């Protein structure tokens, strides 16, 4: 498992598409209100592969979430693509 920091908006995009308790995160927030989440190495590698230029993990999560919502007309989890 890998610990990453994401924005509150990216956290919402992930957590709103998964069952309660499915997102491993810490109760403590970052200085700007973001969250520390725990993801497996495969998810980390997938996020790294999708990054463009100087995008953060949050940028990737939000971009993929918007694309999925637009294409499918529904919200999907950007980490699992389900």
PDB file of N, CA and C in Angstrom:
ATOM      1  N   UNK A   1       0.853  -1.179   0.000  1.00  0.00           N
ATOM      2  CA  UNK A   1       0.000   0.000   0.000  1.00  0.00           C
ATOM      3  C   UNK A   1       0.899   1.242   0.000  1.00  0.00           C
ATOM      4  N   UNK A   2       0.438   2.263  -0.705  1.00  0.00           N
ATOM      5  CA  UNK A   2       1.173   3.514  -0.837  1.00  0.00           C
ATOM      6  C   UNK A   2       0.287   4.651  -0.345  1.00  0.00           C
ATOM      7  N   UNK A   3       0.859   5.540   0.425  1.00  0.00           N
ATOM      8  CA  UNK A   3       0.129   6.686   0.966  1.00  0.00           C
ATOM      9  C   UNK A   3       0.360   7.881   0.053  1.00  0.00           C
ATOM     10  N   UNK A   4      -0.743   8.481  -0.418  1.00  0.00           N
ATOM     11  CA  UNK A   4      -0.647   9.687  -1.233  1.00  0.00           C
ATOM     12  C   UNK A   4      -1.582  10.747  -0.664  1.00  0.00           C
ATOM     13  N   UNK A   5      -1.310  11.984  -1.019  1.00  0.00           N
ATOM     14  CA  UNK A   5      -2.150  13.100  -0.612  1.00  0.00           C
ATOM     15  C   UNK A   5      -2.932  13.583  -1.826  1.00  0.00           C
ATOM     16  N   UNK A   6      -4.236  13.748  -1.653  1.00  0.00           N
ATOM     17  CA  UNK A   6      -5.074  14.269  -2.740  1.00  0.00           C
ATOM     18  C   UNK A   6      -5.962  15.384  -2.197  1.00  0.00           C
ATOM     19  N   UNK A   7      -6.482  16.191  -3.097  1.00  0.00           N
ATOM     20  CA  UNK A   7      -7.350  17.294  -2.693  1.00  0.00           C
ATOM     21  C   UNK A   7      -8.700  16.765  -2.212  1.00  0.00           C
ATOM     22  N   UNK A   8      -9.427  17.645  -1.538  1.00  0.00           N
ATOM     23  CA  UNK A   8     -10.762  17.277  -1.061  1.00  0.00           C
ATOM     24  C   UNK A   8     -11.670  16.930  -2.238  1.00  0.00           C
ATOM     25  N   UNK A   9     -11.537  17.641  -3.347  1.00  0.00           N
ATOM     26  CA  UNK A   9     -12.363  17.368  -4.530  1.00  0.00           C
ATOM     27  C   UNK A   9     -12.057  15.990  -5.117  1.00  0.00           C
ATOM     28  N   UNK A  10     -10.779  15.640  -5.195  1.00  0.00           N
ATOM     29  CA  UNK A  10     -10.410  14.323  -5.709  1.00  0.00           C
ATOM     30  C   UNK A  10     -10.897  13.226  -4.764  1.00  0.00           C
ATOM     31  N   UNK A  11     -10.791  13.478  -3.463  1.00  0.00           N
ATOM     32  CA  UNK A  11     -11.278  12.504  -2.484  1.00  0.00           C
ATOM     33  C   UNK A  11     -12.785  12.285  -2.664  1.00  0.00           C
ATOM     34  N   UNK A  12     -13.518  13.352  -2.870  1.00  0.00           N
ATOM     35  CA  UNK A  12     -14.964  13.235  -3.093  1.00  0.00           C
ATOM     36  C   UNK A  12     -15.257  12.431  -4.358  1.00  0.00           C
ATOM     37  N   UNK A  13     -14.484  12.666  -5.406  1.00  0.00           N
ATOM     38  CA  UNK A  13     -14.687  11.933  -6.663  1.00  0.00           C
ATOM     39  C   UNK A  13     -14.493  10.437  -6.468  1.00  0.00           C
ATOM     40  N   UNK A  14     -13.531  10.066  -5.636  1.00  0.00           N
ATOM     41  CA  UNK A  14     -13.281   8.642  -5.371  1.00  0.00           C
ATOM     42  C   UNK A  14     -14.311   8.071  -4.406  1.00  0.00           C
ATOM     43  N   UNK A  15     -14.493   8.744  -3.285  1.00  0.00           N
ATOM     44  CA  UNK A  15     -15.339   8.178  -2.232  1.00  0.00           C
ATOM     45  C   UNK A  15     -16.814   8.124  -2.612  1.00  0.00           C
ATOM     46  N   UNK A  16     -17.250   9.019  -3.484  1.00  0.00           N
ATOM     47  CA  UNK A  16     -18.666   9.007  -3.860  1.00  0.00           C
ATOM     48  C   UNK A  16     -19.012   7.857  -4.797  1.00  0.00           C
ATOM     49  N   UNK A  17     -18.013   7.184  -5.338  1.00  0.00           N
ATOM     50  CA  UNK A  17     -18.270   6.087  -6.271  1.00  0.00           C
ATOM     51  C   UNK A  17     -18.036   4.716  -5.658  1.00  0.00           C
ATOM     52  N   UNK A  18     -17.649   4.692  -4.379  1.00  0.00           N
ATOM     53  CA  UNK A  18     -17.338   3.424  -3.733  1.00  0.00           C
ATOM     54  C   UNK A  18     -18.199   3.223  -2.495  1.00  0.00           C
ATOM     55  N   UNK A  19     -18.398   1.984  -2.104  1.00  0.00           N
ATOM     56  CA  UNK A  19     -19.170   1.721  -0.892  1.00  0.00           C
ATOM     57  C   UNK A  19     -18.477   2.296   0.348  1.00  0.00           C
ATOM     58  N   UNK A  20     -19.261   2.611   1.345  1.00  0.00           N
ATOM     59  CA  UNK A  20     -18.731   3.127   2.600  1.00  0.00           C
ATOM     60  C   UNK A  20     -17.655   2.189   3.143  1.00  0.00           C
ATOM     61  N   UNK A  21     -16.511   2.758   3.497  1.00  0.00           N
ATOM     62  CA  UNK A  21     -15.415   1.979   4.043  1.00  0.00           C
ATOM     63  C   UNK A  21     -14.459   1.417   3.012  1.00  0.00           C
ATOM     64  N   UNK A  22     -14.749   1.596   1.734  1.00  0.00           N
ATOM     65  CA  UNK A  22     -13.895   1.024   0.691  1.00  0.00           C
ATOM     66  C   UNK A  22     -12.648   1.862   0.409  1.00  0.00           C
ATOM     67  N   UNK A  23     -12.677   3.141   0.764  1.00  0.00           N
ATOM     68  CA  UNK A  23     -11.522   4.008   0.558  1.00  0.00           C
ATOM     69  C   UNK A  23     -10.750   4.093   1.869  1.00  0.00           C
ATOM     70  N   UNK A  24      -9.493   3.657   1.853  1.00  0.00           N
ATOM     71  CA  UNK A  24      -8.664   3.729   3.057  1.00  0.00           C
ATOM     72  C   UNK A  24      -8.064   5.130   3.134  1.00  0.00           C
ATOM     73  N   UNK A  25      -8.419   5.859   4.178  1.00  0.00           N
ATOM     74  CA  UNK A  25      -7.905   7.215   4.327  1.00  0.00           C
ATOM     75  C   UNK A  25      -7.664   7.512   5.795  1.00  0.00           C
ATOM     76  N   UNK A  26      -6.866   8.530   6.022  1.00  0.00           N
ATOM     77  CA  UNK A  26      -6.554   8.933   7.384  1.00  0.00           C
ATOM     78  C   UNK A  26      -7.506  10.036   7.825  1.00  0.00           C
ATOM     79  N   UNK A  27      -7.812  10.072   9.097  1.00  0.00           N
ATOM     80  CA  UNK A  27      -8.728  11.081   9.628  1.00  0.00           C
ATOM     81  C   UNK A  27      -8.117  12.480   9.538  1.00  0.00           C
ATOM     82  N   UNK A  28      -6.812  12.560   9.686  1.00  0.00           N
ATOM     83  CA  UNK A  28      -6.121  13.847   9.621  1.00  0.00           C
ATOM     84  C   UNK A  28      -6.149  14.377   8.190  1.00  0.00           C
ATOM     85  N   UNK A  29      -6.436  15.671   8.048  1.00  0.00           N
ATOM     86  CA  UNK A  29      -6.433  16.290   6.723  1.00  0.00           C
ATOM     87  C   UNK A  29      -5.137  17.063   6.522  1.00  0.00           C
ATOM     88  N   UNK A  30      -4.845  17.386   5.274  1.00  0.00           N
ATOM     89  CA  UNK A  30      -3.668  18.190   4.960  1.00  0.00           C
ATOM     90  C   UNK A  30      -3.950  19.644   5.315  1.00  0.00           C
ATOM     91  N   UNK A  31      -2.931  20.480   5.228  1.00  0.00           N
ATOM     92  CA  UNK A  31      -3.075  21.898   5.566  1.00  0.00           C
ATOM     93  C   UNK A  31      -4.126  22.594   4.705  1.00  0.00           C
ATOM     94  N   UNK A  32      -4.300  22.133   3.470  1.00  0.00           N
ATOM     95  CA  UNK A  32      -5.287  22.753   2.578  1.00  0.00           C
ATOM     96  C   UNK A  32      -6.603  21.980   2.507  1.00  0.00           C
ATOM     97  N   UNK A  33      -6.823  21.070   3.445  1.00  0.00           N
ATOM     98  CA  UNK A  33      -8.096  20.348   3.516  1.00  0.00           C
ATOM     99  C   UNK A  33      -8.146  19.055   2.732  1.00  0.00           C
ATOM    100  N   UNK A  34      -7.042  18.656   2.132  1.00  0.00           N
ATOM    101  CA  UNK A  34      -6.987  17.411   1.375  1.00  0.00           C
ATOM    102  C   UNK A  34      -6.945  16.203   2.297  1.00  0.00           C
ATOM    103  N   UNK A  35      -6.802  15.054   1.703  1.00  0.00           N
ATOM    104  CA  UNK A  35      -6.791  13.799   2.457  1.00  0.00           C
ATOM    105  C   UNK A  35      -5.581  12.961   2.082  1.00  0.00           C
ATOM    106  N   UNK A  36      -5.130  12.182   3.052  1.00  0.00           N
ATOM    107  CA  UNK A  36      -4.132  11.158   2.793  1.00  0.00           C
ATOM    108  C   UNK A  36      -4.894   9.867   2.580  1.00  0.00           C
ATOM    109  N   UNK A  37      -4.683   9.225   1.438  1.00  0.00           N
ATOM    110  CA  UNK A  37      -5.343   7.950   1.167  1.00  0.00           C
ATOM    111  C   UNK A  37      -4.282   6.891   0.934  1.00  0.00           C
ATOM    112  N   UNK A  38      -4.691   5.648   1.065  1.00  0.00           N
ATOM    113  CA  UNK A  38      -3.811   4.505   0.847  1.00  0.00           C
ATOM    114  C   UNK A  38      -4.313   3.744  -0.374  1.00  0.00           C
ATOM    115  N   UNK A  39      -3.431   3.555  -1.346  1.00  0.00           N
ATOM    116  CA  UNK A  39      -3.796   2.816  -2.560  1.00  0.00           C
ATOM    117  C   UNK A  39      -2.760   1.713  -2.783  1.00  0.00           C
ATOM    118  N   UNK A  40      -3.160   0.687  -3.517  1.00  0.00           N
ATOM    119  CA  UNK A  40      -2.196  -0.376  -3.787  1.00  0.00           C
ATOM    120  C   UNK A  40      -1.228   0.075  -4.885  1.00  0.00           C
ATOM    121  N   UNK A  41      -0.129  -0.639  -5.004  1.00  0.00           N
ATOM    122  CA  UNK A  41       0.923  -0.265  -5.954  1.00  0.00           C
ATOM    123  C   UNK A  41       0.404  -0.226  -7.390  1.00  0.00           C
ATOM    124  N   UNK A  42      -0.486  -1.140  -7.754  1.00  0.00           N
ATOM    125  CA  UNK A  42      -1.032  -1.164  -9.115  1.00  0.00           C
ATOM    126  C   UNK A  42      -1.803   0.125  -9.408  1.00  0.00           C
ATOM    127  N   UNK A  43      -2.610   0.587  -8.475  1.00  0.00           N
ATOM    128  CA  UNK A  43      -3.354   1.835  -8.670  1.00  0.00           C
ATOM    129  C   UNK A  43      -2.391   3.016  -8.792  1.00  0.00           C
ATOM    130  N   UNK A  44      -1.330   2.998  -8.002  1.00  0.00           N
ATOM    131  CA  UNK A  44      -0.319   4.055  -8.077  1.00  0.00           C
ATOM    132  C   UNK A  44       0.345   4.073  -9.451  1.00  0.00           C
ATOM    133  N   UNK A  45       0.689   2.903  -9.960  1.00  0.00           N
ATOM    134  CA  UNK A  45       1.306   2.808 -11.285  1.00  0.00           C
ATOM    135  C   UNK A  45       0.348   3.296 -12.375  1.00  0.00           C
ATOM    136  N   UNK A  46      -0.936   2.966 -12.233  1.00  0.00           N
ATOM    137  CA  UNK A  46      -1.932   3.416 -13.204  1.00  0.00           C
ATOM    138  C   UNK A  46      -2.058   4.941 -13.185  1.00  0.00           C
ATOM    139  N   UNK A  47      -2.091   5.518 -11.994  1.00  0.00           N
ATOM    140  CA  UNK A  47      -2.156   6.984 -11.897  1.00  0.00           C
ATOM    141  C   UNK A  47      -0.905   7.622 -12.500  1.00  0.00           C
ATOM    142  N   UNK A  48       0.259   7.062 -12.208  1.00  0.00           N
ATOM    143  CA  UNK A  48       1.499   7.585 -12.782  1.00  0.00           C
ATOM    144  C   UNK A  48       1.462   7.544 -14.304  1.00  0.00           C
ATOM    145  N   UNK A  49       0.959   6.460 -14.864  1.00  0.00           N
ATOM    146  CA  UNK A  49       0.902   6.307 -16.317  1.00  0.00           C
ATOM    147  C   UNK A  49      -0.061   7.302 -16.963  1.00  0.00           C
ATOM    148  N   UNK A  50      -1.081   7.723 -16.230  1.00  0.00           N
ATOM    149  CA  UNK A  50      -2.074   8.648 -16.771  1.00  0.00           C
ATOM    150  C   UNK A  50      -1.711  10.124 -16.585  1.00  0.00           C
ATOM    151  N   UNK A  51      -0.670  10.388 -15.799  1.00  0.00           N
ATOM    152  CA  UNK A  51      -0.294  11.771 -15.528  1.00  0.00           C
ATOM    153  C   UNK A  51       0.226  12.447 -16.788  1.00  0.00           C
ATOM    154  N   UNK A  52      -0.141  13.715 -16.938  1.00  0.00           N
ATOM    155  CA  UNK A  52       0.331  14.537 -18.051  1.00  0.00           C
ATOM    156  C   UNK A  52       1.168  15.668 -17.479  1.00  0.00           C
ATOM    157  N   UNK A  53       2.351  15.845 -18.006  1.00  0.00           N
ATOM    158  CA  UNK A  53       3.187  16.965 -17.587  1.00  0.00           C
ATOM    159  C   UNK A  53       3.361  17.032 -16.083  1.00  0.00           C
ATOM    160  N   UNK A  54       2.921  18.140 -15.526  1.00  0.00           N
ATOM    161  CA  UNK A  54       3.087  18.346 -14.080  1.00  0.00           C
ATOM    162  C   UNK A  54       1.794  18.108 -13.304  1.00  0.00           C
ATOM    163  N   UNK A  55       0.925  17.255 -13.828  1.00  0.00           N
ATOM    164  CA  UNK A  55      -0.319  16.940 -13.134  1.00  0.00           C
ATOM    165  C   UNK A  55      -0.047  16.235 -11.815  1.00  0.00           C
ATOM    166  N   UNK A  56      -0.868  16.548 -10.841  1.00  0.00           N
ATOM    167  CA  UNK A  56      -0.829  15.842  -9.562  1.00  0.00           C
ATOM    168  C   UNK A  56      -1.741  14.619  -9.647  1.00  0.00           C
ATOM    169  N   UNK A  57      -1.662  13.773  -8.635  1.00  0.00           N
ATOM    170  CA  UNK A  57      -2.602  12.650  -8.580  1.00  0.00           C
ATOM    171  C   UNK A  57      -4.041  13.164  -8.572  1.00  0.00           C
ATOM    172  N   UNK A  58      -4.277  14.240  -7.846  1.00  0.00           N
ATOM    173  CA  UNK A  58      -5.626  14.814  -7.783  1.00  0.00           C
ATOM    174  C   UNK A  58      -6.102  15.256  -9.158  1.00  0.00           C
ATOM    175  N   UNK A  59      -5.215  15.895  -9.917  1.00  0.00           N
ATOM    176  CA  UNK A  59      -5.578  16.331 -11.269  1.00  0.00           C
ATOM    177  C   UNK A  59      -5.993  15.145 -12.131  1.00  0.00           C
ATOM    178  N   UNK A  60      -5.241  14.063 -12.047  1.00  0.00           N
ATOM    179  CA  UNK A  60      -5.552  12.863 -12.832  1.00  0.00           C
ATOM    180  C   UNK A  60      -6.896  12.281 -12.408  1.00  0.00           C
ATOM    181  N   UNK A  61      -7.100  12.141 -11.111  1.00  0.00           N
ATOM    182  CA  UNK A  61      -8.359  11.584 -10.598  1.00  0.00           C
ATOM    183  C   UNK A  61      -9.544  12.422 -11.060  1.00  0.00           C
ATOM    184  N   UNK A  62      -9.442  13.731 -10.964  1.00  0.00           N
ATOM    185  CA  UNK A  62     -10.545  14.598 -11.376  1.00  0.00           C
ATOM    186  C   UNK A  62     -10.770  14.554 -12.890  1.00  0.00           C
ATOM    187  N   UNK A  63      -9.696  14.517 -13.662  1.00  0.00           N
ATOM    188  CA  UNK A  63      -9.825  14.451 -15.121  1.00  0.00           C
ATOM    189  C   UNK A  63     -10.512  13.158 -15.536  1.00  0.00           C
ATOM    190  N   UNK A  64     -10.063  12.043 -14.989  1.00  0.00           N
ATOM    191  CA  UNK A  64     -10.652  10.748 -15.330  1.00  0.00           C
ATOM    192  C   UNK A  64     -12.098  10.667 -14.849  1.00  0.00           C
ATOM    193  N   UNK A  65     -12.364  11.200 -13.690  1.00  0.00           N
ATOM    194  CA  UNK A  65     -13.729  11.198 -13.152  1.00  0.00           C
ATOM    195  C   UNK A  65     -14.667  11.989 -14.064  1.00  0.00           C
ATOM    196  N   UNK A  66     -14.207  13.149 -14.522  1.00  0.00           N
ATOM    197  CA  UNK A  66     -15.037  13.965 -15.430  1.00  0.00           C
ATOM    198  C   UNK A  66     -15.252  13.250 -16.763  1.00  0.00           C
ATOM    199  N   UNK A  67     -14.198  12.651 -17.301  1.00  0.00           N
ATOM    200  CA  UNK A  67     -14.331  11.924 -18.563  1.00  0.00           C
ATOM    201  C   UNK A  67     -15.313  10.767 -18.435  1.00  0.00           C
ATOM    202  N   UNK A  68     -15.175  10.005 -17.380  1.00  0.00           N
ATOM    203  CA  UNK A  68     -16.076   8.868 -17.174  1.00  0.00           C
ATOM    204  C   UNK A  68     -17.520   9.325 -17.001  1.00  0.00           C
ATOM    205  N   UNK A  69     -17.726  10.391 -16.255  1.00  0.00           N
ATOM    206  CA  UNK A  69     -19.085  10.895 -16.034  1.00  0.00           C
ATOM    207  C   UNK A  69     -19.693  11.376 -17.343  1.00  0.00           C
ATOM    208  N   UNK A  70     -18.881  12.012 -18.168  1.00  0.00           N
ATOM    209  CA  UNK A  70     -19.362  12.517 -19.456  1.00  0.00           C
ATOM    210  C   UNK A  70     -19.666  11.376 -20.420  1.00  0.00           C
ATOM    211  N   UNK A  71     -18.765  10.430 -20.498  1.00  0.00           N
ATOM    212  CA  UNK A  71     -18.918   9.320 -21.445  1.00  0.00           C
ATOM    213  C   UNK A  71     -20.021   8.353 -21.060  1.00  0.00           C
ATOM    214  N   UNK A  72     -20.167   8.101 -19.799  1.00  0.00           N
ATOM    215  CA  UNK A  72     -21.100   7.081 -19.343  1.00  0.00           C
ATOM    216  C   UNK A  72     -22.392   7.646 -18.781  1.00  0.00           C
ATOM    217  N   UNK A  73     -22.397   8.938 -18.501  1.00  0.00           N
ATOM    218  CA  UNK A  73     -23.578   9.527 -17.904  1.00  0.00           C
ATOM    219  C   UNK A  73     -23.760   9.119 -16.461  1.00  0.00           C
ATOM    220  N   UNK A  74     -22.706   8.593 -15.856  1.00  0.00           N
ATOM    221  CA  UNK A  74     -22.762   8.190 -14.455  1.00  0.00           C
ATOM    222  C   UNK A  74     -21.371   8.336 -13.863  1.00  0.00           C
ATOM    223  N   UNK A  75     -21.292   8.296 -12.555  1.00  0.00           N
ATOM    224  CA  UNK A  75     -20.014   8.439 -11.871  1.00  0.00           C
ATOM    225  C   UNK A  75     -19.384   7.082 -11.657  1.00  0.00           C
ATOM    226  N   UNK A  76     -18.106   6.995 -11.983  1.00  0.00           N
ATOM    227  CA  UNK A  76     -17.339   5.760 -11.778  1.00  0.00           C
ATOM    228  C   UNK A  76     -16.112   6.089 -10.970  1.00  0.00           C
ATOM    229  N   UNK A  77     -15.561   5.076 -10.360  1.00  0.00           N
ATOM    230  CA  UNK A  77     -14.354   5.275  -9.557  1.00  0.00           C
ATOM    231  C   UNK A  77     -13.150   5.384 -10.483  1.00  0.00           C
ATOM    232  N   UNK A  78     -12.408   6.512 -10.423  1.00  0.00           N
ATOM    233  CA  UNK A  78     -11.281   6.683 -11.336  1.00  0.00           C
ATOM    234  C   UNK A  78     -10.096   5.779 -11.035  1.00  0.00           C
ATOM    235  N   UNK A  79     -10.046   5.166  -9.874  1.00  0.00           N
ATOM    236  CA  UNK A  79      -8.939   4.264  -9.575  1.00  0.00           C
ATOM    237  C   UNK A  79      -9.208   2.856 -10.064  1.00  0.00           C
ATOM    238  N   UNK A  80     -10.445   2.409  -9.961  1.00  0.00           N
ATOM    239  CA  UNK A  80     -10.772   1.042 -10.368  1.00  0.00           C
ATOM    240  C   UNK A  80     -11.453   1.003 -11.728  1.00  0.00           C
ATOM    241  N   UNK A  81     -11.907   2.150 -12.196  1.00  0.00           N
ATOM    242  CA  UNK A  81     -12.613   2.288 -13.470  1.00  0.00           C
ATOM    243  C   UNK A  81     -13.890   1.442 -13.488  1.00  0.00           C
ATOM    244  N   UNK A  82     -14.494   1.256 -12.305  1.00  0.00           N
ATOM    245  CA  UNK A  82     -15.744   0.486 -12.195  1.00  0.00           C
ATOM    246  C   UNK A  82     -16.867   1.403 -11.841  1.00  0.00           C
TER     247      UNK A  82
END
